[in-house]
Amino acid sequence: MDINSLLGTSSIINENVTSATQAGRITKTNSMFDTILNSAIDNINTTNSLLSDAENAEISFALGETENTHDLMIALQKATTALQYTVAIRDKFLDAYKEIMQMQI
């Protein structure tokens, strides 16, 4: 499972970064935006990794390769928490974007 497909943001982010770079508008503000964007991308990659780890732990448990339910539950909870955090950040980002778009004349 890929978090980018769930959030549907990867193509939007890539298009906006490409168009901003092509326009040559790299400023201090864009540098700060790049930092925030890179942080968000790292967060998405971490969430993907945790989801993958949880899926692998489920498969191992289902196949009988491991009997440790404690590690399985920890992996599942980490993945769930990371996904909830990522979705919450996405929702806040979209709310901020909508508010900025309403400010424009």
PDB file of N, CA and C in Angstrom:
ATOM      1  N   MET A   1       0.851  -1.176   0.000  1.00  0.00           N
ATOM      2  CA  MET A   1       0.000   0.000   0.000  1.00  0.00           C
ATOM      3  C   MET A   1       0.896   1.238   0.000  1.00  0.00           C
ATOM      4  N   ASP A   2       0.613   2.158  -0.876  1.00  0.00           N
ATOM      5  CA  ASP A   2       1.416   3.363  -1.019  1.00  0.00           C
ATOM      6  C   ASP A   2       0.620   4.558  -0.529  1.00  0.00           C
ATOM      7  N   ILE A   3       1.187   5.311   0.394  1.00  0.00           N
ATOM      8  CA  ILE A   3       0.496   6.454   0.983  1.00  0.00           C
ATOM      9  C   ILE A   3       0.212   7.535  -0.044  1.00  0.00           C
ATOM     10  N   ASN A   4       1.078   7.650  -1.066  1.00  0.00           N
ATOM     11  CA  ASN A   4       0.840   8.655  -2.104  1.00  0.00           C
ATOM     12  C   ASN A   4      -0.457   8.396  -2.847  1.00  0.00           C
ATOM     13  N   SER A   5      -0.774   7.130  -3.069  1.00  0.00           N
ATOM     14  CA  SER A   5      -2.026   6.821  -3.754  1.00  0.00           C
ATOM     15  C   SER A   5      -3.220   7.111  -2.867  1.00  0.00           C
ATOM     16  N   LEU A   6      -3.057   6.923  -1.553  1.00  0.00           N
ATOM     17  CA  LEU A   6      -4.154   7.242  -0.637  1.00  0.00           C
ATOM     18  C   LEU A   6      -4.395   8.738  -0.551  1.00  0.00           C
ATOM     19  N   LEU A   7      -3.318   9.494  -0.490  1.00  0.00           N
ATOM     20  CA  LEU A   7      -3.443  10.937  -0.322  1.00  0.00           C
ATOM     21  C   LEU A   7      -3.666  11.652  -1.640  1.00  0.00           C
ATOM     22  N   GLY A   8      -3.181  11.082  -2.727  1.00  0.00           N
ATOM     23  CA  GLY A   8      -3.347  11.698  -4.037  1.00  0.00           C
ATOM     24  C   GLY A   8      -2.610  13.013  -4.176  1.00  0.00           C
ATOM     25  N   THR A   9      -1.473  13.151  -3.487  1.00  0.00           N
ATOM     26  CA  THR A   9      -0.772  14.432  -3.472  1.00  0.00           C
ATOM     27  C   THR A   9       0.529  14.440  -4.242  1.00  0.00           C
ATOM     28  N   SER A  10       1.077  13.290  -4.579  1.00  0.00           N
ATOM     29  CA  SER A  10       2.421  13.269  -5.151  1.00  0.00           C
ATOM     30  C   SER A  10       2.487  14.013  -6.477  1.00  0.00           C
ATOM     31  N   SER A  11       1.519  13.825  -7.355  1.00  0.00           N
ATOM     32  CA  SER A  11       1.567  14.511  -8.652  1.00  0.00           C
ATOM     33  C   SER A  11       1.341  16.000  -8.497  1.00  0.00           C
ATOM     34  N   ILE A  12       0.476  16.398  -7.561  1.00  0.00           N
ATOM     35  CA  ILE A  12       0.226  17.828  -7.326  1.00  0.00           C
ATOM     36  C   ILE A  12       1.492  18.504  -6.826  1.00  0.00           C
ATOM     37  N   ILE A  13       2.155  17.888  -5.864  1.00  0.00           N
ATOM     38  CA  ILE A  13       3.377  18.464  -5.302  1.00  0.00           C
ATOM     39  C   ILE A  13       4.450  18.557  -6.373  1.00  0.00           C
ATOM     40  N   ASN A  14       4.655  17.491  -7.142  1.00  0.00           N
ATOM     41  CA  ASN A  14       5.695  17.496  -8.167  1.00  0.00           C
ATOM     42  C   ASN A  14       5.425  18.549  -9.233  1.00  0.00           C
ATOM     43  N   GLU A  15       4.171  18.724  -9.660  1.00  0.00           N
ATOM     44  CA  GLU A  15       3.842  19.728 -10.664  1.00  0.00           C
ATOM     45  C   GLU A  15       4.121  21.129 -10.143  1.00  0.00           C
ATOM     46  N   ASN A  16       3.734  21.407  -8.887  1.00  0.00           N
ATOM     47  CA  ASN A  16       3.934  22.736  -8.323  1.00  0.00           C
ATOM     48  C   ASN A  16       5.411  23.059  -8.132  1.00  0.00           C
ATOM     49  N   VAL A  17       6.181  22.087  -7.676  1.00  0.00           N
ATOM     50  CA  VAL A  17       7.613  22.316  -7.486  1.00  0.00           C
ATOM     51  C   VAL A  17       8.280  22.538  -8.835  1.00  0.00           C
ATOM     52  N   THR A  18       7.915  21.747  -9.849  1.00  0.00           N
ATOM     53  CA  THR A  18       8.498  21.889 -11.176  1.00  0.00           C
ATOM     54  C   THR A  18       8.159  23.247 -11.778  1.00  0.00           C
ATOM     55  N   SER A  19       6.903  23.661 -11.668  1.00  0.00           N
ATOM     56  CA  SER A  19       6.518  24.949 -12.261  1.00  0.00           C
ATOM     57  C   SER A  19       7.179  26.106 -11.533  1.00  0.00           C
ATOM     58  N   ALA A  20       7.335  26.020 -10.230  1.00  0.00           N
ATOM     59  CA  ALA A  20       7.997  27.094  -9.486  1.00  0.00           C
ATOM     60  C   ALA A  20       9.477  27.168  -9.845  1.00  0.00           C
ATOM     61  N   THR A  21      10.102  26.008 -10.024  1.00  0.00           N
ATOM     62  CA  THR A  21      11.507  25.978 -10.383  1.00  0.00           C
ATOM     63  C   THR A  21      11.712  26.506 -11.799  1.00  0.00           C
ATOM     64  N   GLN A  22      10.846  26.130 -12.717  1.00  0.00           N
ATOM     65  CA  GLN A  22      10.972  26.585 -14.094  1.00  0.00           C
ATOM     66  C   GLN A  22      10.786  28.091 -14.201  1.00  0.00           C
ATOM     67  N   ALA A  23       9.946  28.652 -13.360  1.00  0.00           N
ATOM     68  CA  ALA A  23       9.709  30.088 -13.406  1.00  0.00           C
ATOM     69  C   ALA A  23      10.892  30.863 -12.832  1.00  0.00           C
ATOM     70  N   GLY A  24      11.813  30.194 -12.183  1.00  0.00           N
ATOM     71  CA  GLY A  24      13.002  30.844 -11.651  1.00  0.00           C
ATOM     72  C   GLY A  24      12.720  31.676 -10.415  1.00  0.00           C
ATOM     73  N   ARG A  25      11.694  31.348  -9.678  1.00  0.00           N
ATOM     74  CA  ARG A  25      11.303  32.123  -8.502  1.00  0.00           C
ATOM     75  C   ARG A  25      11.835  31.481  -7.221  1.00  0.00           C
ATOM     76  N   ILE A  26      13.100  31.187  -7.185  1.00  0.00           N
ATOM     77  CA  ILE A  26      13.701  30.612  -5.998  1.00  0.00           C
ATOM     78  C   ILE A  26      14.141  31.766  -5.098  1.00  0.00           C
ATOM     79  N   THR A  27      13.467  31.933  -3.999  1.00  0.00           N
ATOM     80  CA  THR A  27      13.782  32.983  -3.040  1.00  0.00           C
ATOM     81  C   THR A  27      13.879  32.371  -1.659  1.00  0.00           C
ATOM     82  N   LYS A  28      14.052  33.237  -0.680  1.00  0.00           N
ATOM     83  CA  LYS A  28      14.128  32.754   0.689  1.00  0.00           C
ATOM     84  C   LYS A  28      12.812  32.079   1.086  1.00  0.00           C
ATOM     85  N   THR A  29      11.700  32.622   0.641  1.00  0.00           N
ATOM     86  CA  THR A  29      10.405  32.030   0.943  1.00  0.00           C
ATOM     87  C   THR A  29      10.294  30.652   0.311  1.00  0.00           C
ATOM     88  N   ASN A  30      10.740  30.530  -0.933  1.00  0.00           N
ATOM     89  CA  ASN A  30      10.709  29.236  -1.589  1.00  0.00           C
ATOM     90  C   ASN A  30      11.649  28.252  -0.910  1.00  0.00           C
ATOM     91  N   SER A  31      12.762  28.762  -0.394  1.00  0.00           N
ATOM     92  CA  SER A  31      13.692  27.901   0.325  1.00  0.00           C
ATOM     93  C   SER A  31      13.016  27.341   1.576  1.00  0.00           C
ATOM     94  N   MET A  32      12.251  28.180   2.278  1.00  0.00           N
ATOM     95  CA  MET A  32      11.522  27.718   3.448  1.00  0.00           C
ATOM     96  C   MET A  32      10.441  26.719   3.021  1.00  0.00           C
ATOM     97  N   PHE A  33       9.783  27.014   1.903  1.00  0.00           N
ATOM     98  CA  PHE A  33       8.778  26.096   1.382  1.00  0.00           C
ATOM     99  C   PHE A  33       9.410  24.762   1.022  1.00  0.00           C
ATOM    100  N   ASP A  34      10.593  24.803   0.405  1.00  0.00           N
ATOM    101  CA  ASP A  34      11.298  23.574   0.054  1.00  0.00           C
ATOM    102  C   ASP A  34      11.607  22.742   1.299  1.00  0.00           C
ATOM    103  N   THR A  35      12.003  23.411   2.367  1.00  0.00           N
ATOM    104  CA  THR A  35      12.300  22.718   3.611  1.00  0.00           C
ATOM    105  C   THR A  35      11.052  22.029   4.157  1.00  0.00           C
ATOM    106  N   ILE A  36       9.946  22.754   4.141  1.00  0.00           N
ATOM    107  CA  ILE A  36       8.692  22.182   4.633  1.00  0.00           C
ATOM    108  C   ILE A  36       8.240  21.046   3.729  1.00  0.00           C
ATOM    109  N   LEU A  37       8.367  21.242   2.429  1.00  0.00           N
ATOM    110  CA  LEU A  37       7.966  20.206   1.480  1.00  0.00           C
ATOM    111  C   LEU A  37       8.815  18.952   1.643  1.00  0.00           C
ATOM    112  N   ASN A  38      10.112  19.126   1.788  1.00  0.00           N
ATOM    113  CA  ASN A  38      10.994  17.972   1.989  1.00  0.00           C
ATOM    114  C   ASN A  38      10.669  17.244   3.289  1.00  0.00           C
ATOM    115  N   SER A  39      10.310  17.996   4.313  1.00  0.00           N
ATOM    116  CA  SER A  39       9.909  17.392   5.572  1.00  0.00           C
ATOM    117  C   SER A  39       8.635  16.573   5.393  1.00  0.00           C
ATOM    118  N   ALA A  40       7.689  17.113   4.631  1.00  0.00           N
ATOM    119  CA  ALA A  40       6.441  16.387   4.372  1.00  0.00           C
ATOM    120  C   ALA A  40       6.707  15.122   3.561  1.00  0.00           C
ATOM    121  N   ILE A  41       7.587  15.217   2.592  1.00  0.00           N
ATOM    122  CA  ILE A  41       7.922  14.040   1.777  1.00  0.00           C
ATOM    123  C   ILE A  41       8.612  12.983   2.632  1.00  0.00           C
ATOM    124  N   ASP A  42       9.501  13.402   3.523  1.00  0.00           N
ATOM    125  CA  ASP A  42      10.140  12.458   4.443  1.00  0.00           C
ATOM    126  C   ASP A  42       9.103  11.786   5.336  1.00  0.00           C
ATOM    127  N   ASN A  43       8.107  12.577   5.770  1.00  0.00           N
ATOM    128  CA  ASN A  43       7.035  12.029   6.592  1.00  0.00           C
ATOM    129  C   ASN A  43       6.252  10.972   5.819  1.00  0.00           C
ATOM    130  N   ILE A  44       5.968  11.227   4.559  1.00  0.00           N
ATOM    131  CA  ILE A  44       5.250  10.269   3.722  1.00  0.00           C
ATOM    132  C   ILE A  44       6.075   9.008   3.517  1.00  0.00           C
ATOM    133  N   ASN A  45       7.377   9.174   3.295  1.00  0.00           N
ATOM    134  CA  ASN A  45       8.251   8.005   3.127  1.00  0.00           C
ATOM    135  C   ASN A  45       8.320   7.172   4.402  1.00  0.00           C
ATOM    136  N   THR A  46       8.379   7.835   5.550  1.00  0.00           N
ATOM    137  CA  THR A  46       8.393   7.126   6.830  1.00  0.00           C
ATOM    138  C   THR A  46       7.088   6.370   7.029  1.00  0.00           C
ATOM    139  N   THR A  47       5.978   7.019   6.693  1.00  0.00           N
ATOM    140  CA  THR A  47       4.678   6.363   6.820  1.00  0.00           C
ATOM    141  C   THR A  47       4.603   5.150   5.907  1.00  0.00           C
ATOM    142  N   ASN A  48       5.085   5.288   4.679  1.00  0.00           N
ATOM    143  CA  ASN A  48       5.122   4.141   3.758  1.00  0.00           C
ATOM    144  C   ASN A  48       5.929   2.991   4.348  1.00  0.00           C
ATOM    145  N   SER A  49       7.062   3.319   4.927  1.00  0.00           N
ATOM    146  CA  SER A  49       7.927   2.298   5.519  1.00  0.00           C
ATOM    147  C   SER A  49       7.225   1.589   6.679  1.00  0.00           C
ATOM    148  N   LEU A  50       6.568   2.354   7.541  1.00  0.00           N
ATOM    149  CA  LEU A  50       5.874   1.758   8.679  1.00  0.00           C
ATOM    150  C   LEU A  50       4.696   0.897   8.224  1.00  0.00           C
ATOM    151  N   LEU A  51       3.978   1.347   7.192  1.00  0.00           N
ATOM    152  CA  LEU A  51       2.878   0.543   6.655  1.00  0.00           C
ATOM    153  C   LEU A  51       3.401  -0.763   6.061  1.00  0.00           C
ATOM    154  N   SER A  52       4.524  -0.683   5.370  1.00  0.00           N
ATOM    155  CA  SER A  52       5.135  -1.877   4.786  1.00  0.00           C
ATOM    156  C   SER A  52       5.601  -2.839   5.869  1.00  0.00           C
ATOM    157  N   ASP A  53       6.216  -2.306   6.924  1.00  0.00           N
ATOM    158  CA  ASP A  53       6.666  -3.145   8.041  1.00  0.00           C
ATOM    159  C   ASP A  53       5.489  -3.851   8.708  1.00  0.00           C
ATOM    160  N   ALA A  54       4.389  -3.119   8.885  1.00  0.00           N
ATOM    161  CA  ALA A  54       3.204  -3.715   9.508  1.00  0.00           C
ATOM    162  C   ALA A  54       2.623  -4.816   8.620  1.00  0.00           C
ATOM    163  N   GLU A  55       2.600  -4.569   7.320  1.00  0.00           N
ATOM    164  CA  GLU A  55       2.089  -5.579   6.397  1.00  0.00           C
ATOM    165  C   GLU A  55       2.968  -6.828   6.415  1.00  0.00           C
ATOM    166  N   ASN A  56       4.283  -6.626   6.458  1.00  0.00           N
ATOM    167  CA  ASN A  56       5.211  -7.767   6.523  1.00  0.00           C
ATOM    168  C   ASN A  56       5.038  -8.544   7.827  1.00  0.00           C
ATOM    169  N   ALA A  57       4.816  -7.822   8.930  1.00  0.00           N
ATOM    170  CA  ALA A  57       4.602  -8.487  10.218  1.00  0.00           C
ATOM    171  C   ALA A  57       3.308  -9.289  10.199  1.00  0.00           C
ATOM    172  N   GLU A  58       2.262  -8.748   9.571  1.00  0.00           N
ATOM    173  CA  GLU A  58       1.005  -9.493   9.452  1.00  0.00           C
ATOM    174  C   GLU A  58       1.187 -10.765   8.638  1.00  0.00           C
ATOM    175  N   ILE A  59       1.909 -10.653   7.538  1.00  0.00           N
ATOM    176  CA  ILE A  59       2.140 -11.817   6.675  1.00  0.00           C
ATOM    177  C   ILE A  59       2.954 -12.875   7.420  1.00  0.00           C
ATOM    178  N   SER A  60       3.991 -12.447   8.125  1.00  0.00           N
ATOM    179  CA  SER A  60       4.812 -13.392   8.894  1.00  0.00           C
ATOM    180  C   SER A  60       3.985 -14.100   9.959  1.00  0.00           C
ATOM    181  N   PHE A  61       3.120 -13.344  10.621  1.00  0.00           N
ATOM    182  CA  PHE A  61       2.277 -13.930  11.661  1.00  0.00           C
ATOM    183  C   PHE A  61       1.273 -14.905  11.048  1.00  0.00           C
ATOM    184  N   ALA A  62       0.684 -14.519   9.916  1.00  0.00           N
ATOM    185  CA  ALA A  62      -0.308 -15.370   9.261  1.00  0.00           C
ATOM    186  C   ALA A  62       0.307 -16.665   8.741  1.00  0.00           C
ATOM    187  N   LEU A  63       1.554 -16.599   8.295  1.00  0.00           N
ATOM    188  CA  LEU A  63       2.233 -17.791   7.791  1.00  0.00           C
ATOM    189  C   LEU A  63       2.816 -18.651   8.900  1.00  0.00           C
ATOM    190  N   GLY A  64       2.758 -18.173  10.128  1.00  0.00           N
ATOM    191  CA  GLY A  64       3.272 -18.941  11.257  1.00  0.00           C
ATOM    192  C   GLY A  64       4.765 -18.810  11.439  1.00  0.00           C
ATOM    193  N   GLU A  65       5.385 -17.855  10.745  1.00  0.00           N
ATOM    194  CA  GLU A  65       6.833 -17.666  10.868  1.00  0.00           C
ATOM    195  C   GLU A  65       7.194 -17.050  12.214  1.00  0.00           C
ATOM    196  N   THR A  66       6.260 -16.352  12.817  1.00  0.00           N
ATOM    197  CA  THR A  66       6.478 -15.767  14.134  1.00  0.00           C
ATOM    198  C   THR A  66       5.204 -15.924  14.947  1.00  0.00           C
ATOM    199  N   GLU A  67       5.367 -16.057  16.234  1.00  0.00           N
ATOM    200  CA  GLU A  67       4.210 -16.188  17.119  1.00  0.00           C
ATOM    201  C   GLU A  67       4.132 -15.033  18.097  1.00  0.00           C
ATOM    202  N   ASN A  68       4.933 -14.024  17.893  1.00  0.00           N
ATOM    203  CA  ASN A  68       4.992 -12.892  18.804  1.00  0.00           C
ATOM    204  C   ASN A  68       3.929 -11.859  18.431  1.00  0.00           C
ATOM    205  N   THR A  69       2.805 -11.913  19.114  1.00  0.00           N
ATOM    206  CA  THR A  69       1.717 -10.974  18.823  1.00  0.00           C
ATOM    207  C   THR A  69       2.065  -9.570  19.306  1.00  0.00           C
ATOM    208  N   HIS A  70       2.958  -9.492  20.285  1.00  0.00           N
ATOM    209  CA  HIS A  70       3.352  -8.187  20.822  1.00  0.00           C
ATOM    210  C   HIS A  70       4.013  -7.335  19.738  1.00  0.00           C
ATOM    211  N   ASP A  71       4.974  -7.912  19.012  1.00  0.00           N
ATOM    212  CA  ASP A  71       5.646  -7.170  17.935  1.00  0.00           C
ATOM    213  C   ASP A  71       4.688  -6.830  16.803  1.00  0.00           C
ATOM    214  N   LEU A  72       3.764  -7.737  16.521  1.00  0.00           N
ATOM    215  CA  LEU A  72       2.759  -7.483  15.486  1.00  0.00           C
ATOM    216  C   LEU A  72       1.898  -6.289  15.862  1.00  0.00           C
ATOM    217  N   MET A  73       1.433  -6.245  17.083  1.00  0.00           N
ATOM    218  CA  MET A  73       0.569  -5.142  17.516  1.00  0.00           C
ATOM    219  C   MET A  73       1.333  -3.815  17.556  1.00  0.00           C
ATOM    220  N   ILE A  74       2.592  -3.856  17.927  1.00  0.00           N
ATOM    221  CA  ILE A  74       3.404  -2.635  17.932  1.00  0.00           C
ATOM    222  C   ILE A  74       3.561  -2.108  16.512  1.00  0.00           C
ATOM    223  N   ALA A  75       3.862  -3.000  15.565  1.00  0.00           N
ATOM    224  CA  ALA A  75       4.019  -2.582  14.167  1.00  0.00           C
ATOM    225  C   ALA A  75       2.714  -2.008  13.624  1.00  0.00           C
ATOM    226  N   LEU A  76       1.588  -2.647  13.934  1.00  0.00           N
ATOM    227  CA  LEU A  76       0.294  -2.154  13.475  1.00  0.00           C
ATOM    228  C   LEU A  76      -0.038  -0.792  14.080  1.00  0.00           C
ATOM    229  N   GLN A  77       0.259  -0.616  15.366  1.00  0.00           N
ATOM    230  CA  GLN A  77      -0.044   0.660  16.015  1.00  0.00           C
ATOM    231  C   GLN A  77       0.843   1.784  15.481  1.00  0.00           C
ATOM    232  N   LYS A  78       2.114   1.487  15.234  1.00  0.00           N
ATOM    233  CA  LYS A  78       3.004   2.501  14.643  1.00  0.00           C
ATOM    234  C   LYS A  78       2.489   2.929  13.274  1.00  0.00           C
ATOM    235  N   ALA A  79       2.077   1.963  12.473  1.00  0.00           N
ATOM    236  CA  ALA A  79       1.569   2.277  11.136  1.00  0.00           C
ATOM    237  C   ALA A  79       0.281   3.091  11.220  1.00  0.00           C
ATOM    238  N   THR A  80      -0.611   2.718  12.104  1.00  0.00           N
ATOM    239  CA  THR A  80      -1.873   3.438  12.258  1.00  0.00           C
ATOM    240  C   THR A  80      -1.635   4.865  12.719  1.00  0.00           C
ATOM    241  N   THR A  81      -0.766   5.034  13.695  1.00  0.00           N
ATOM    242  CA  THR A  81      -0.473   6.372  14.211  1.00  0.00           C
ATOM    243  C   THR A  81       0.186   7.237  13.138  1.00  0.00           C
ATOM    244  N   ALA A  82       1.125   6.677  12.406  1.00  0.00           N
ATOM    245  CA  ALA A  82       1.804   7.433  11.350  1.00  0.00           C
ATOM    246  C   ALA A  82       0.821   7.841  10.257  1.00  0.00           C
ATOM    247  N   LEU A  83      -0.085   6.941   9.888  1.00  0.00           N
ATOM    248  CA  LEU A  83      -1.072   7.254   8.860  1.00  0.00           C
ATOM    249  C   LEU A  83      -2.029   8.338   9.336  1.00  0.00           C
ATOM    250  N   GLN A  84      -2.480   8.257  10.578  1.00  0.00           N
ATOM    251  CA  GLN A  84      -3.367   9.291  11.123  1.00  0.00           C
ATOM    252  C   GLN A  84      -2.668  10.644  11.158  1.00  0.00           C
ATOM    253  N   TYR A  85      -1.401  10.654  11.535  1.00  0.00           N
ATOM    254  CA  TYR A  85      -0.626  11.887  11.583  1.00  0.00           C
ATOM    255  C   TYR A  85      -0.464  12.486  10.180  1.00  0.00           C
ATOM    256  N   THR A  86      -0.167  11.640   9.210  1.00  0.00           N
ATOM    257  CA  THR A  86       0.012  12.094   7.831  1.00  0.00           C
ATOM    258  C   THR A  86      -1.285  12.664   7.264  1.00  0.00           C
ATOM    259  N   VAL A  87      -2.389  11.987   7.530  1.00  0.00           N
ATOM    260  CA  VAL A  87      -3.684  12.475   7.048  1.00  0.00           C
ATOM    261  C   VAL A  87      -4.049  13.797   7.733  1.00  0.00           C
ATOM    262  N   ALA A  88      -3.751  13.923   9.010  1.00  0.00           N
ATOM    263  CA  ALA A  88      -4.038  15.174   9.721  1.00  0.00           C
ATOM    264  C   ALA A  88      -3.225  16.331   9.141  1.00  0.00           C
ATOM    265  N   ILE A  89      -1.965  16.078   8.815  1.00  0.00           N
ATOM    266  CA  ILE A  89      -1.126  17.118   8.212  1.00  0.00           C
ATOM    267  C   ILE A  89      -1.671  17.491   6.837  1.00  0.00           C
ATOM    268  N   ARG A  90      -2.058  16.487   6.061  1.00  0.00           N
ATOM    269  CA  ARG A  90      -2.634  16.759   4.748  1.00  0.00           C
ATOM    270  C   ARG A  90      -3.892  17.613   4.868  1.00  0.00           C
ATOM    271  N   ASP A  91      -4.750  17.284   5.828  1.00  0.00           N
ATOM    272  CA  ASP A  91      -5.984  18.048   6.019  1.00  0.00           C
ATOM    273  C   ASP A  91      -5.685  19.499   6.395  1.00  0.00           C
ATOM    274  N   LYS A  92      -4.714  19.710   7.273  1.00  0.00           N
ATOM    275  CA  LYS A  92      -4.336  21.076   7.654  1.00  0.00           C
ATOM    276  C   LYS A  92      -3.749  21.836   6.466  1.00  0.00           C
ATOM    277  N   PHE A  93      -2.950  21.149   5.669  1.00  0.00           N
ATOM    278  CA  PHE A  93      -2.364  21.767   4.491  1.00  0.00           C
ATOM    279  C   PHE A  93      -3.456  22.193   3.514  1.00  0.00           C
ATOM    280  N   LEU A  94      -4.426  21.317   3.280  1.00  0.00           N
ATOM    281  CA  LEU A  94      -5.513  21.650   2.364  1.00  0.00           C
ATOM    282  C   LEU A  94      -6.391  22.776   2.902  1.00  0.00           C
ATOM    283  N   ASP A  95      -6.619  22.811   4.215  1.00  0.00           N
ATOM    284  CA  ASP A  95      -7.374  23.914   4.811  1.00  0.00           C
ATOM    285  C   ASP A  95      -6.641  25.237   4.621  1.00  0.00           C
ATOM    286  N   ALA A  96      -5.323  25.217   4.832  1.00  0.00           N
ATOM    287  CA  ALA A  96      -4.526  26.440   4.653  1.00  0.00           C
ATOM    288  C   ALA A  96      -4.541  26.873   3.196  1.00  0.00           C
ATOM    289  N   TYR A  97      -4.441  25.925   2.282  1.00  0.00           N
ATOM    290  CA  TYR A  97      -4.467  26.231   0.851  1.00  0.00           C
ATOM    291  C   TYR A  97      -5.807  26.858   0.467  1.00  0.00           C
ATOM    292  N   LYS A  98      -6.902  26.286   0.940  1.00  0.00           N
ATOM    293  CA  LYS A  98      -8.226  26.838   0.640  1.00  0.00           C
ATOM    294  C   LYS A  98      -8.373  28.251   1.191  1.00  0.00           C
ATOM    295  N   GLU A  99      -7.847  28.487   2.389  1.00  0.00           N
ATOM    296  CA  GLU A  99      -7.928  29.819   2.979  1.00  0.00           C
ATOM    297  C   GLU A  99      -7.106  30.834   2.180  1.00  0.00           C
ATOM    298  N   ILE A 100      -5.936  30.425   1.723  1.00  0.00           N
ATOM    299  CA  ILE A 100      -5.106  31.312   0.906  1.00  0.00           C
ATOM    300  C   ILE A 100      -5.802  31.613  -0.420  1.00  0.00           C
ATOM    301  N   MET A 101      -6.420  30.606  -1.014  1.00  0.00           N
ATOM    302  CA  MET A 101      -7.111  30.824  -2.279  1.00  0.00           C
ATOM    303  C   MET A 101      -8.303  31.768  -2.108  1.00  0.00           C
ATOM    304  N   GLN A 102      -8.942  31.777  -0.963  1.00  0.00           N
ATOM    305  CA  GLN A 102     -10.053  32.677  -0.716  1.00  0.00           C
ATOM    306  C   GLN A 102      -9.575  34.119  -0.528  1.00  0.00           C
ATOM    307  N   MET A 103      -8.322  34.311  -0.143  1.00  0.00           N
ATOM    308  CA  MET A 103      -7.772  35.655   0.046  1.00  0.00           C
ATOM    309  C   MET A 103      -7.492  36.349  -1.264  1.00  0.00           C
ATOM    310  N   GLN A 104      -7.253  35.596  -2.315  1.00  0.00           N
ATOM    311  CA  GLN A 104      -6.911  36.197  -3.590  1.00  0.00           C
ATOM    312  C   GLN A 104      -8.108  36.922  -4.189  1.00  0.00           C
ATOM    313  N   ILE A 105      -7.819  38.012  -4.872  1.00  0.00           N
ATOM    314  CA  ILE A 105      -8.887  38.810  -5.474  1.00  0.00           C
ATOM    315  C   ILE A 105      -9.052  38.432  -6.911  1.00  0.00           C
TER     316      ILE A 105
END
